[in-house]
Amino acid sequence: MTRILLKITYNGKEFDGWQYQQNRRTVQGEIERALKSVHREFIRIHPASRTDKHVHALEQYAHFDTTLDIDPEKWSFILNNKLSGDIRIIESKEIDPEYHVRYHSKGKVYRYKMYFGEPSPFKYGLETHVKDELNIDRMREAAESFIGTHDFTSFSSAKTVIENKVRHIYKLDIIETTNGLEIVIMGSGFLYNMVRIIVSYLLEVGKGNRNPESTKENIENKDRTQNPKVAPAGGLYLERIFLTEEEQGDYLKENT
């Protein structure tokens, strides 16, 4: 038995998320369908992260076990020939059979993209249109309160079933682009809808509807009803997954 690690990228516009759902098009479902056509039997894949409906991934990882005698590096070529154009296997390689990418990975980076001006059909589902003027300095002031280790109950979905809602945020940057903003957040892990709720909150701060000075208290209250809004999924990208502490450390050095 050989354990194969896949490095994957996908455009989430036409997917109902990562996780398999019957009669729904999902990333997991498409890759497992491709694997079944090779193995002639069902093969389960295990992801490092589960993205929501319409969320994209620049870098996602998943592994599967196989008994077939195929060069590990050739799996990317084999699967890409069976997948649609909105999923791409960037790389495939053999990993230790004890390594589980979900439980052993060290952290993630998400990037949220938004733009100003006139709505563009060519950015639909890829970036979020923001029609309001934003006070970026106030947004950055609020963003500082998220850095560190906190219980993020106030910024998680009511559907979150995980009891331990403590996560560590290493970085939360608000970057001005030619025609918009990108919010980049690096953390040890994220709760269901956590990134999109934080983005929505920061946008409300930028619009003047929320006070950045109360962000710390908002987090400490652990009250999800304080932050009912969730930013649209189409602007969110899973950008990096750190398989090792060294990768994570290198990223922090390069982006500090």
Protein backbone atom coordinates (compact mmCIF):
# COMPACT_ATOMS: atom_id res chain seq x y z
CA MET A 1 0.00 0.00 0.00
CA THR A 2 1.36 3.41 -1.01
CA ARG A 3 0.13 6.75 0.29
CA ILE A 4 0.03 9.47 -2.38
CA LEU A 5 -0.11 13.19 -1.63
CA LEU A 6 -1.80 15.43 -4.18
CA LYS A 7 -1.21 19.17 -4.45
CA ILE A 8 -4.38 20.60 -5.96
CA THR A 9 -5.71 23.91 -7.26
CA TYR A 10 -9.29 24.66 -8.31
CA ASN A 11 -11.74 27.33 -9.31
CA GLY A 12 -14.67 26.90 -6.93
CA LYS A 13 -17.32 28.77 -8.94
CA GLU A 14 -19.08 25.64 -10.17
CA PHE A 15 -18.57 23.49 -7.07
CA ASP A 16 -20.79 22.93 -4.05
CA GLY A 17 -17.66 22.92 -1.90
CA TRP A 18 -14.93 20.38 -1.33
CA GLN A 19 -16.78 17.65 0.58
CA TYR A 20 -18.64 14.91 -1.29
CA GLN A 21 -22.42 15.37 -1.49
CA GLN A 22 -24.75 13.06 -3.32
CA ASN A 23 -26.11 14.58 -6.54
CA ARG A 24 -23.91 17.66 -6.09
CA ARG A 25 -20.74 18.59 -7.93
CA THR A 26 -17.88 18.77 -5.43
CA VAL A 27 -14.10 18.79 -5.69
CA GLN A 28 -13.76 15.63 -3.62
CA GLY A 29 -16.42 13.91 -5.68
CA GLU A 30 -14.68 14.74 -8.97
CA ILE A 31 -11.26 13.52 -7.84
CA GLU A 32 -12.69 10.34 -6.32
CA ARG A 33 -14.57 9.68 -9.55
CA ALA A 34 -11.28 9.97 -11.45
CA LEU A 35 -9.52 7.65 -9.00
CA LYS A 36 -12.31 5.08 -9.29
CA SER A 37 -11.93 5.00 -13.07
CA VAL A 38 -8.27 4.02 -12.59
CA HIS A 39 -8.69 1.58 -9.68
CA ARG A 40 -12.05 0.10 -10.73
CA GLU A 41 -13.13 0.55 -7.13
CA PHE A 42 -13.92 3.42 -4.78
CA ILE A 43 -10.90 5.24 -3.31
CA ARG A 44 -11.35 7.78 -0.51
CA ILE A 45 -9.24 10.94 -0.46
CA HIS A 46 -8.49 12.88 2.72
CA PRO A 47 -8.03 16.68 2.48
CA ALA A 48 -5.99 19.11 4.54
CA SER A 49 -8.98 21.45 4.57
CA ARG A 50 -12.61 21.55 3.44
CA THR A 51 -13.57 24.61 1.44
CA ASP A 52 -17.16 25.86 1.23
CA LYS A 53 -19.40 26.21 -1.79
CA HIS A 54 -17.86 28.55 -4.42
CA VAL A 55 -14.59 28.99 -2.47
CA HIS A 56 -11.39 28.63 -4.51
CA ALA A 57 -8.04 27.02 -3.71
CA LEU A 58 -4.66 28.07 -5.01
CA GLU A 59 -3.06 25.34 -2.92
CA GLN A 60 -4.97 22.43 -1.42
CA TYR A 61 -3.61 19.04 -0.39
CA ALA A 62 -5.21 15.62 -0.13
CA HIS A 63 -3.90 12.08 0.15
CA PHE A 64 -5.12 8.62 -0.80
CA ASP A 65 -3.87 5.05 -0.49
CA THR A 66 -3.32 2.82 -3.50
CA THR A 67 -2.17 -0.73 -4.20
CA LEU A 68 -1.41 0.04 -7.85
CA ASP A 69 2.20 -0.05 -9.00
CA ILE A 70 2.28 3.42 -10.54
CA ASP A 71 5.09 5.93 -10.24
CA PRO A 72 3.82 8.40 -7.56
CA GLU A 73 4.81 11.39 -9.68
CA LYS A 74 2.67 10.16 -12.59
CA TRP A 75 -0.61 10.34 -10.66
CA SER A 76 -0.89 14.07 -11.43
CA PHE A 77 -0.72 13.40 -15.17
CA ILE A 78 -3.16 10.47 -14.96
CA LEU A 79 -5.76 12.36 -12.93
CA ASN A 80 -5.50 15.61 -14.90
CA ASN A 81 -6.47 13.68 -18.03
CA LYS A 82 -9.68 12.64 -16.28
CA LEU A 83 -10.58 15.93 -14.55
CA SER A 84 -12.38 18.99 -15.88
CA GLY A 85 -10.56 22.25 -16.50
CA ASP A 86 -11.53 23.85 -13.20
CA ILE A 87 -9.45 21.35 -11.16
CA ARG A 88 -5.73 20.77 -11.61
CA ILE A 89 -3.37 18.41 -9.82
CA ILE A 90 -0.16 20.43 -9.58
CA GLU A 91 1.97 17.67 -8.10
CA SER A 92 1.79 14.12 -6.77
CA LYS A 93 4.30 12.29 -4.61
CA GLU A 94 4.65 9.43 -2.14
CA ILE A 95 4.47 10.25 1.58
CA ASP A 96 4.89 8.31 4.80
CA PRO A 97 1.88 6.00 5.33
CA GLU A 98 1.51 7.41 8.85
CA TYR A 99 1.28 11.01 7.65
CA HIS A 100 -2.26 12.42 7.65
CA VAL A 101 -2.39 15.76 5.87
CA ARG A 102 -5.34 17.08 7.88
CA TYR A 103 -3.95 16.36 11.32
CA HIS A 104 -0.24 16.86 10.68
CA SER A 105 -0.31 20.11 8.67
CA LYS A 106 0.80 23.19 10.60
CA GLY A 107 -1.38 26.05 9.40
CA LYS A 108 -3.13 27.79 6.52
CA VAL A 109 -3.29 31.08 4.67
CA TYR A 110 -6.49 32.46 3.17
CA ARG A 111 -6.75 35.47 0.85
CA TYR A 112 -9.97 37.41 0.29
CA LYS A 113 -10.18 39.50 -2.89
CA MET A 114 -12.47 42.48 -3.45
CA TYR A 115 -12.65 45.34 -5.94
CA PHE A 116 -14.22 48.81 -6.23
CA GLY A 117 -15.82 50.72 -9.10
CA GLU A 118 -18.32 49.32 -11.58
CA PRO A 119 -19.35 45.66 -11.22
CA SER A 120 -17.58 43.45 -13.76
CA PRO A 121 -19.03 40.21 -15.13
CA PHE A 122 -15.46 38.97 -15.62
CA LYS A 123 -14.81 39.16 -11.88
CA TYR A 124 -18.12 37.57 -10.93
CA GLY A 125 -17.51 34.68 -8.57
CA LEU A 126 -13.78 35.45 -8.42
CA GLU A 127 -13.70 38.74 -6.51
CA THR A 128 -16.32 40.48 -4.40
CA HIS A 129 -17.59 43.85 -5.54
CA VAL A 130 -17.64 46.55 -2.84
CA LYS A 131 -19.60 49.70 -3.68
CA ASP A 132 -18.95 51.59 -0.43
CA GLU A 133 -15.99 53.78 0.41
CA LEU A 134 -13.86 52.17 3.12
CA ASN A 135 -11.68 53.63 5.85
CA ILE A 136 -8.73 51.29 5.48
CA ASP A 137 -6.84 52.70 8.47
CA ARG A 138 -9.77 51.84 10.73
CA MET A 139 -9.92 48.35 9.23
CA ARG A 140 -6.23 47.83 9.97
CA GLU A 141 -6.76 49.05 13.52
CA ALA A 142 -9.50 46.45 14.01
CA ALA A 143 -7.40 43.74 12.35
CA GLU A 144 -4.70 44.04 15.02
CA SER A 145 -7.10 42.71 17.67
CA PHE A 146 -7.36 39.36 15.89
CA ILE A 147 -3.64 38.63 16.11
CA GLY A 148 -2.72 36.03 18.74
CA THR A 149 -4.54 33.15 20.42
CA HIS A 150 -8.26 33.64 21.02
CA ASP A 151 -11.54 31.79 21.35
CA PHE A 152 -13.21 32.69 18.05
CA THR A 153 -16.77 31.71 18.93
CA SER A 154 -17.91 35.24 18.01
CA PHE A 155 -16.51 34.72 14.52
CA SER A 156 -17.65 31.19 13.75
CA SER A 157 -20.80 29.84 12.16
CA ALA A 158 -23.68 28.74 14.35
CA LYS A 159 -23.30 25.40 12.52
CA THR A 160 -19.82 24.87 13.98
CA VAL A 161 -19.87 21.60 15.92
CA ILE A 162 -16.27 21.70 17.17
CA GLU A 163 -16.22 22.46 20.89
CA ASN A 164 -12.68 23.89 21.00
CA LYS A 165 -12.89 27.21 19.17
CA VAL A 166 -9.45 28.46 20.19
CA ARG A 167 -7.20 29.31 17.23
CA HIS A 168 -3.99 31.27 16.75
CA ILE A 169 -3.79 34.02 14.12
CA TYR A 170 -0.22 34.81 13.07
CA LYS A 171 -0.93 37.55 10.53
CA LEU A 172 -3.88 39.55 9.26
CA ASP A 173 -2.88 41.98 6.51
CA ILE A 174 -5.06 44.39 4.55
CA ILE A 175 -3.37 45.05 1.22
CA GLU A 176 -4.39 47.80 -1.19
CA THR A 177 -4.40 46.71 -4.84
CA THR A 178 -4.81 48.69 -8.06
CA ASN A 179 -8.59 48.65 -7.81
CA GLY A 180 -9.48 47.12 -4.47
CA LEU A 181 -8.30 45.28 -1.40
CA GLU A 182 -7.02 41.86 -0.41
CA ILE A 183 -7.28 40.58 3.13
CA VAL A 184 -4.67 37.92 3.93
CA ILE A 185 -5.02 35.88 7.10
CA MET A 186 -2.62 33.23 8.35
CA GLY A 187 -3.61 30.95 11.22
CA SER A 188 -3.08 27.62 12.92
CA GLY A 189 -6.52 26.63 11.67
CA PHE A 190 -9.95 28.13 11.03
CA LEU A 191 -13.50 27.43 12.14
CA TYR A 192 -16.44 27.04 9.77
CA ASN A 193 -17.02 30.41 8.00
CA MET A 194 -14.48 32.09 10.32
CA VAL A 195 -12.52 33.88 7.62
CA ARG A 196 -15.61 35.16 5.83
CA ILE A 197 -17.14 36.42 9.09
CA ILE A 198 -13.92 38.26 9.99
CA VAL A 199 -13.80 39.80 6.49
CA SER A 200 -17.43 40.89 6.77
CA TYR A 201 -16.75 42.44 10.17
CA LEU A 202 -13.71 44.35 8.84
CA LEU A 203 -15.80 45.66 5.94
CA GLU A 204 -18.42 46.90 8.40
CA VAL A 205 -15.64 48.69 10.29
CA GLY A 206 -14.42 50.22 7.03
CA LYS A 207 -17.93 51.45 6.23
CA GLY A 208 -18.20 53.07 9.68
CA ASN A 209 -20.89 50.68 10.92
CA ARG A 210 -18.65 49.06 13.55
CA ASN A 211 -16.12 50.50 15.96
CA PRO A 212 -12.57 49.09 15.75
CA GLU A 213 -11.98 49.90 19.44
CA SER A 214 -14.63 47.35 20.43
CA THR A 215 -13.13 44.47 18.40
CA LYS A 216 -11.25 42.98 21.35
CA GLU A 217 -14.42 43.02 23.47
CA ASN A 218 -16.35 41.47 20.57
CA ILE A 219 -13.90 38.54 20.52
CA GLU A 220 -13.94 38.14 24.31
CA ASN A 221 -17.76 38.07 24.48
CA LYS A 222 -17.83 34.77 22.53
CA ASP A 223 -21.25 35.67 21.13
CA ARG A 224 -21.86 34.67 17.51
CA THR A 225 -25.01 36.85 17.29
CA GLN A 226 -22.80 39.96 17.44
CA ASN A 227 -21.50 39.22 13.94
CA PRO A 228 -24.37 37.89 11.83
CA LYS A 229 -22.96 38.79 8.41
CA VAL A 230 -20.81 36.50 6.24
CA ALA A 231 -18.82 37.81 3.27
CA PRO A 232 -19.64 36.21 -0.13
CA ALA A 233 -17.78 32.97 -0.84
CA GLY A 234 -16.57 33.92 -4.33
CA GLY A 235 -13.85 36.24 -3.08
CA LEU A 236 -12.17 33.66 -0.84
CA TYR A 237 -9.08 31.65 -1.77
CA LEU A 238 -7.29 28.95 0.20
CA GLU A 239 -3.80 30.15 -0.66
CA ARG A 240 -1.31 28.07 1.34
CA ILE A 241 -1.20 24.99 3.53
CA PHE A 242 1.94 24.42 5.56
CA LEU A 243 2.89 20.77 5.71
CA THR A 244 5.81 21.42 8.06
CA GLU A 245 6.84 23.96 10.69
CA GLU A 246 9.77 24.90 8.44
CA GLU A 247 7.41 25.92 5.63
CA GLN A 248 5.39 27.98 8.08
CA GLY A 249 8.49 29.67 9.49
CA ASP A 250 9.82 30.49 6.02
CA TYR A 251 6.51 32.08 5.06
CA LEU A 252 6.52 34.30 8.15
CA LYS A 253 10.09 35.42 7.46
CA GLU A 254 9.30 36.22 3.84
CA ASN A 255 6.11 38.12 4.68
CA THR A 256 7.11 40.14 7.73
